[in-house]
């Protein structure tokens, strides 16, 4: 197993989430930077518009949740943009394939 830094695998997680959003009917998908080094997306869906912050992990690491500070900041941003806040936790293998399903957490 290679040792990747978060900045090296974060784009991999973003690509997996972007693909999932597109395949599940979301459109107008735009990258969204956050205060931390994490990135995410805003997207419009048939039911709701969302903002999602993404955390990517290299298998066998297990995903850990956003901090209370990050959740509060994301929910405030979602309210300001009139969107629903989500966190997406992505685990990938050495070859950047998904190692399981993307875990979604609705925050607002």
N, C-alpha and C. Protein backbone atom coordinates (compact mmCIF):
# COMPACT_ATOMS: atom_id res chain seq x y z
N UNK A 1 0.85 -1.18 0.00
CA UNK A 1 0.00 0.00 0.00
C UNK A 1 0.89 1.23 0.00
N UNK A 2 0.60 2.16 -0.90
CA UNK A 2 1.35 3.40 -0.96
C UNK A 2 0.84 4.36 0.10
N UNK A 3 1.70 5.29 0.48
CA UNK A 3 1.33 6.28 1.48
C UNK A 3 1.00 7.58 0.76
N UNK A 4 -0.27 7.91 0.64
CA UNK A 4 -0.71 9.13 -0.02
C UNK A 4 -1.02 10.19 1.02
N UNK A 5 -0.69 11.41 0.69
CA UNK A 5 -1.12 12.52 1.53
C UNK A 5 -2.52 12.91 1.12
N UNK A 6 -3.24 13.52 2.03
CA UNK A 6 -4.63 13.91 1.78
C UNK A 6 -4.75 14.74 0.50
N UNK A 7 -3.81 15.65 0.27
CA UNK A 7 -3.89 16.49 -0.92
C UNK A 7 -3.75 15.69 -2.21
N UNK A 8 -3.15 14.51 -2.14
CA UNK A 8 -2.98 13.68 -3.32
C UNK A 8 -4.23 12.85 -3.64
N UNK A 9 -4.98 12.47 -2.63
CA UNK A 9 -6.16 11.64 -2.90
C UNK A 9 -7.47 12.43 -2.88
N UNK A 10 -7.44 13.66 -2.37
CA UNK A 10 -8.66 14.47 -2.35
C UNK A 10 -9.27 14.65 -3.74
N UNK A 11 -8.46 14.94 -4.78
CA UNK A 11 -9.05 15.07 -6.12
C UNK A 11 -9.72 13.78 -6.60
N UNK A 12 -9.20 12.64 -6.15
CA UNK A 12 -9.79 11.35 -6.52
C UNK A 12 -11.18 11.24 -5.92
N UNK A 13 -11.32 11.60 -4.66
CA UNK A 13 -12.62 11.56 -4.01
C UNK A 13 -13.60 12.52 -4.65
N UNK A 14 -13.13 13.72 -4.98
CA UNK A 14 -14.00 14.70 -5.65
C UNK A 14 -14.51 14.15 -6.98
N UNK A 15 -13.64 13.48 -7.72
CA UNK A 15 -14.06 12.92 -9.02
C UNK A 15 -15.13 11.85 -8.83
N UNK A 16 -14.96 11.00 -7.82
CA UNK A 16 -15.97 9.96 -7.55
C UNK A 16 -17.31 10.58 -7.16
N UNK A 17 -17.29 11.63 -6.33
CA UNK A 17 -18.53 12.28 -5.92
C UNK A 17 -19.17 13.00 -7.10
N UNK A 18 -18.36 13.67 -7.91
CA UNK A 18 -18.90 14.35 -9.09
C UNK A 18 -19.58 13.36 -10.03
N UNK A 19 -18.96 12.22 -10.24
CA UNK A 19 -19.55 11.18 -11.09
C UNK A 19 -20.86 10.68 -10.48
N UNK A 20 -20.88 10.43 -9.17
CA UNK A 20 -22.09 9.96 -8.50
C UNK A 20 -23.21 10.98 -8.66
N UNK A 21 -22.91 12.25 -8.43
CA UNK A 21 -23.93 13.29 -8.55
C UNK A 21 -24.51 13.32 -9.97
N UNK A 22 -23.64 13.30 -10.95
CA UNK A 22 -24.07 13.34 -12.35
C UNK A 22 -24.93 12.12 -12.70
N UNK A 23 -24.52 10.95 -12.26
CA UNK A 23 -25.26 9.71 -12.55
C UNK A 23 -26.59 9.64 -11.81
N UNK A 24 -26.75 10.45 -10.76
CA UNK A 24 -27.97 10.42 -9.96
C UNK A 24 -28.84 11.65 -10.17
N UNK A 25 -28.70 12.27 -11.34
CA UNK A 25 -29.63 13.32 -11.74
C UNK A 25 -29.31 14.73 -11.30
N UNK A 26 -28.16 14.94 -10.69
CA UNK A 26 -27.80 16.31 -10.31
C UNK A 26 -27.17 17.02 -11.50
N UNK A 27 -27.37 18.31 -11.56
CA UNK A 27 -26.85 19.12 -12.67
C UNK A 27 -26.30 20.42 -12.10
N UNK A 28 -25.72 21.22 -12.96
CA UNK A 28 -25.09 22.49 -12.54
C UNK A 28 -24.15 22.23 -11.37
N UNK A 29 -23.31 21.21 -11.53
CA UNK A 29 -22.37 20.79 -10.50
C UNK A 29 -21.15 21.71 -10.56
N UNK A 30 -20.87 22.38 -9.44
CA UNK A 30 -19.76 23.34 -9.39
C UNK A 30 -18.87 23.06 -8.20
N UNK A 31 -17.56 23.18 -8.41
CA UNK A 31 -16.63 23.00 -7.29
C UNK A 31 -16.82 24.12 -6.28
N UNK A 32 -16.67 23.76 -5.02
CA UNK A 32 -16.86 24.71 -3.93
C UNK A 32 -15.71 24.55 -2.93
N UNK A 33 -14.87 25.58 -2.76
CA UNK A 33 -13.79 25.48 -1.77
C UNK A 33 -14.34 25.76 -0.37
N UNK A 34 -13.70 25.18 0.62
CA UNK A 34 -14.06 25.40 2.01
C UNK A 34 -12.86 25.98 2.74
N UNK A 35 -13.06 26.44 3.98
CA UNK A 35 -11.98 27.06 4.74
C UNK A 35 -10.82 26.10 4.97
N UNK A 36 -11.12 24.85 5.20
CA UNK A 36 -10.06 23.87 5.38
C UNK A 36 -9.52 23.49 3.99
N UNK A 37 -8.67 22.51 3.93
CA UNK A 37 -8.13 22.09 2.64
C UNK A 37 -9.12 21.24 1.85
N UNK A 38 -10.28 20.96 2.44
CA UNK A 38 -11.29 20.16 1.75
C UNK A 38 -11.98 20.98 0.67
N UNK A 39 -12.49 20.28 -0.29
CA UNK A 39 -13.29 20.89 -1.34
C UNK A 39 -14.58 20.11 -1.46
N UNK A 40 -15.49 20.64 -2.21
CA UNK A 40 -16.75 19.95 -2.43
C UNK A 40 -17.44 20.53 -3.63
N UNK A 41 -18.75 20.38 -3.63
CA UNK A 41 -19.56 20.82 -4.77
C UNK A 41 -20.85 21.45 -4.29
N UNK A 42 -21.38 22.29 -5.14
CA UNK A 42 -22.78 22.66 -5.08
C UNK A 42 -23.41 22.01 -6.30
N UNK A 43 -24.65 21.61 -6.18
CA UNK A 43 -25.34 20.96 -7.30
C UNK A 43 -26.84 21.13 -7.13
N UNK A 44 -27.53 21.12 -8.23
CA UNK A 44 -28.98 21.19 -8.23
C UNK A 44 -29.53 19.82 -8.59
N UNK A 45 -30.59 19.44 -7.89
CA UNK A 45 -31.25 18.17 -8.17
C UNK A 45 -32.73 18.41 -8.39
N UNK A 46 -33.43 17.35 -8.73
CA UNK A 46 -34.88 17.46 -8.96
C UNK A 46 -35.62 17.80 -7.67
N UNK A 47 -35.11 17.32 -6.54
CA UNK A 47 -35.78 17.53 -5.26
C UNK A 47 -35.20 18.71 -4.49
N UNK A 48 -33.87 18.85 -4.50
CA UNK A 48 -33.23 19.89 -3.71
C UNK A 48 -31.88 20.27 -4.28
N UNK A 49 -31.46 21.48 -3.97
CA UNK A 49 -30.10 21.91 -4.26
C UNK A 49 -29.25 21.54 -3.06
N UNK A 50 -28.01 21.13 -3.31
CA UNK A 50 -27.16 20.68 -2.21
C UNK A 50 -25.79 21.35 -2.25
N UNK A 51 -25.15 21.35 -1.10
CA UNK A 51 -23.74 21.67 -0.97
C UNK A 51 -23.13 20.50 -0.23
N UNK A 52 -22.03 19.97 -0.74
CA UNK A 52 -21.44 18.78 -0.14
C UNK A 52 -19.95 19.00 0.08
N UNK A 53 -19.52 18.70 1.28
CA UNK A 53 -18.09 18.73 1.61
C UNK A 53 -17.60 17.29 1.58
N UNK A 54 -16.44 17.07 0.97
CA UNK A 54 -15.95 15.71 0.71
C UNK A 54 -14.71 15.42 1.53
N UNK A 55 -14.69 14.25 2.13
CA UNK A 55 -13.50 13.74 2.80
C UNK A 55 -13.12 12.44 2.10
N UNK A 56 -11.85 12.32 1.74
CA UNK A 56 -11.37 11.13 1.04
C UNK A 56 -10.32 10.42 1.88
N UNK A 57 -10.42 9.10 1.92
CA UNK A 57 -9.53 8.28 2.73
C UNK A 57 -8.96 7.15 1.88
N UNK A 58 -7.75 6.76 2.20
CA UNK A 58 -7.11 5.65 1.51
C UNK A 58 -7.32 4.38 2.34
N UNK A 59 -7.93 3.36 1.72
CA UNK A 59 -8.17 2.08 2.38
C UNK A 59 -6.84 1.54 2.90
N UNK A 60 -6.74 1.05 4.11
CA UNK A 60 -7.80 0.62 5.01
C UNK A 60 -8.22 1.67 6.03
N UNK A 61 -7.81 2.93 5.86
CA UNK A 61 -8.26 3.95 6.79
C UNK A 61 -9.78 4.02 6.76
N UNK A 62 -10.34 4.32 7.91
CA UNK A 62 -11.79 4.43 8.02
C UNK A 62 -12.15 5.91 8.07
N UNK A 63 -13.23 6.28 7.41
CA UNK A 63 -13.64 7.69 7.40
C UNK A 63 -13.94 8.21 8.79
N UNK A 64 -13.54 9.46 9.03
CA UNK A 64 -13.93 10.13 10.26
C UNK A 64 -14.75 11.35 9.88
N UNK A 65 -15.69 11.67 10.73
CA UNK A 65 -16.67 12.71 10.42
C UNK A 65 -16.05 14.10 10.48
N UNK A 66 -16.77 15.04 9.87
CA UNK A 66 -16.38 16.44 9.96
C UNK A 66 -16.45 16.88 11.42
N UNK A 67 -15.63 17.85 11.77
CA UNK A 67 -15.67 18.38 13.13
C UNK A 67 -16.93 19.22 13.32
N UNK A 68 -17.27 19.50 14.56
CA UNK A 68 -18.43 20.36 14.84
C UNK A 68 -18.26 21.73 14.19
N UNK A 69 -17.04 22.26 14.22
CA UNK A 69 -16.76 23.55 13.60
C UNK A 69 -17.03 23.49 12.10
N UNK A 70 -16.55 22.43 11.44
CA UNK A 70 -16.77 22.29 9.99
C UNK A 70 -18.25 22.12 9.66
N UNK A 71 -18.96 21.37 10.47
CA UNK A 71 -20.39 21.17 10.25
C UNK A 71 -21.13 22.49 10.38
N UNK A 72 -20.82 23.26 11.42
CA UNK A 72 -21.46 24.56 11.61
C UNK A 72 -21.18 25.49 10.43
N UNK A 73 -19.93 25.56 10.00
CA UNK A 73 -19.56 26.42 8.87
C UNK A 73 -20.28 25.99 7.59
N UNK A 74 -20.36 24.68 7.36
CA UNK A 74 -21.03 24.17 6.16
C UNK A 74 -22.53 24.47 6.21
N UNK A 75 -23.14 24.28 7.37
CA UNK A 75 -24.57 24.55 7.49
C UNK A 75 -24.88 26.03 7.33
N UNK A 76 -24.03 26.91 7.83
CA UNK A 76 -24.21 28.35 7.64
C UNK A 76 -24.11 28.71 6.17
N UNK A 77 -23.13 28.12 5.49
CA UNK A 77 -22.96 28.37 4.06
C UNK A 77 -24.17 27.86 3.28
N UNK A 78 -24.67 26.70 3.66
CA UNK A 78 -25.84 26.13 3.00
C UNK A 78 -27.06 27.04 3.17
N UNK A 79 -27.25 27.54 4.39
CA UNK A 79 -28.37 28.44 4.66
C UNK A 79 -28.25 29.71 3.81
N UNK A 80 -27.06 30.26 3.75
CA UNK A 80 -26.82 31.48 2.97
C UNK A 80 -27.13 31.26 1.49
N UNK A 81 -26.80 30.07 0.97
CA UNK A 81 -27.01 29.75 -0.45
C UNK A 81 -28.36 29.08 -0.72
N UNK A 82 -29.16 28.88 0.34
CA UNK A 82 -30.45 28.21 0.23
C UNK A 82 -30.29 26.78 -0.33
N UNK A 83 -29.34 26.06 0.24
CA UNK A 83 -29.05 24.68 -0.16
C UNK A 83 -29.12 23.77 1.05
N UNK A 84 -29.14 22.47 0.82
CA UNK A 84 -29.11 21.47 1.89
C UNK A 84 -27.67 20.98 2.02
N UNK A 85 -27.17 20.91 3.25
CA UNK A 85 -25.78 20.53 3.50
C UNK A 85 -25.62 19.02 3.66
N UNK A 86 -24.58 18.49 3.02
CA UNK A 86 -24.22 17.08 3.12
C UNK A 86 -22.71 16.96 3.29
N UNK A 87 -22.30 15.86 3.91
CA UNK A 87 -20.91 15.44 3.92
C UNK A 87 -20.85 14.13 3.15
N UNK A 88 -19.79 13.97 2.35
CA UNK A 88 -19.58 12.73 1.62
C UNK A 88 -18.22 12.16 2.03
N UNK A 89 -18.23 10.90 2.46
CA UNK A 89 -17.01 10.24 2.90
C UNK A 89 -16.67 9.16 1.88
N UNK A 90 -15.50 9.32 1.27
CA UNK A 90 -15.08 8.45 0.16
C UNK A 90 -13.83 7.68 0.58
N UNK A 91 -13.83 6.37 0.38
CA UNK A 91 -12.65 5.55 0.63
C UNK A 91 -12.23 4.93 -0.69
N UNK A 92 -10.94 5.08 -1.02
CA UNK A 92 -10.40 4.57 -2.28
C UNK A 92 -9.25 3.62 -1.99
N UNK A 93 -8.97 2.76 -2.98
CA UNK A 93 -7.84 1.83 -2.85
C UNK A 93 -6.59 2.45 -3.51
N UNK A 94 -5.52 1.67 -3.54
CA UNK A 94 -4.25 2.16 -4.11
C UNK A 94 -4.36 2.57 -5.58
N UNK A 95 -5.33 1.99 -6.27
CA UNK A 95 -5.50 2.29 -7.69
C UNK A 95 -6.57 3.35 -7.93
N UNK A 96 -7.01 4.00 -6.85
CA UNK A 96 -7.98 5.10 -6.88
C UNK A 96 -9.40 4.67 -7.21
N UNK A 97 -9.67 3.37 -7.09
CA UNK A 97 -11.03 2.87 -7.24
C UNK A 97 -11.75 3.00 -5.91
N UNK A 98 -13.08 3.13 -5.97
CA UNK A 98 -13.86 3.15 -4.73
C UNK A 98 -13.68 1.85 -3.97
N UNK A 99 -13.47 1.96 -2.67
CA UNK A 99 -13.37 0.79 -1.80
C UNK A 99 -14.64 0.78 -0.94
N UNK A 100 -15.76 0.47 -1.56
CA UNK A 100 -17.06 0.54 -0.89
C UNK A 100 -17.87 1.69 -1.43
N UNK A 101 -19.03 1.88 -0.87
CA UNK A 101 -19.92 2.95 -1.31
C UNK A 101 -19.50 4.28 -0.70
N UNK A 102 -19.88 5.36 -1.36
CA UNK A 102 -19.71 6.69 -0.79
C UNK A 102 -20.71 6.80 0.37
N UNK A 103 -20.24 7.23 1.53
CA UNK A 103 -21.12 7.41 2.68
C UNK A 103 -21.59 8.85 2.71
N UNK A 104 -22.91 9.03 2.72
CA UNK A 104 -23.50 10.38 2.72
C UNK A 104 -24.09 10.68 4.08
N UNK A 105 -23.89 11.90 4.55
CA UNK A 105 -24.47 12.33 5.81
C UNK A 105 -25.19 13.67 5.56
N UNK A 106 -26.50 13.67 5.77
CA UNK A 106 -27.27 14.91 5.64
C UNK A 106 -27.09 15.71 6.93
N UNK A 107 -26.68 16.96 6.78
CA UNK A 107 -26.38 17.79 7.94
C UNK A 107 -27.44 18.82 8.24
N UNK A 108 -28.28 19.14 7.26
CA UNK A 108 -29.34 20.14 7.51
C UNK A 108 -30.65 19.68 6.89
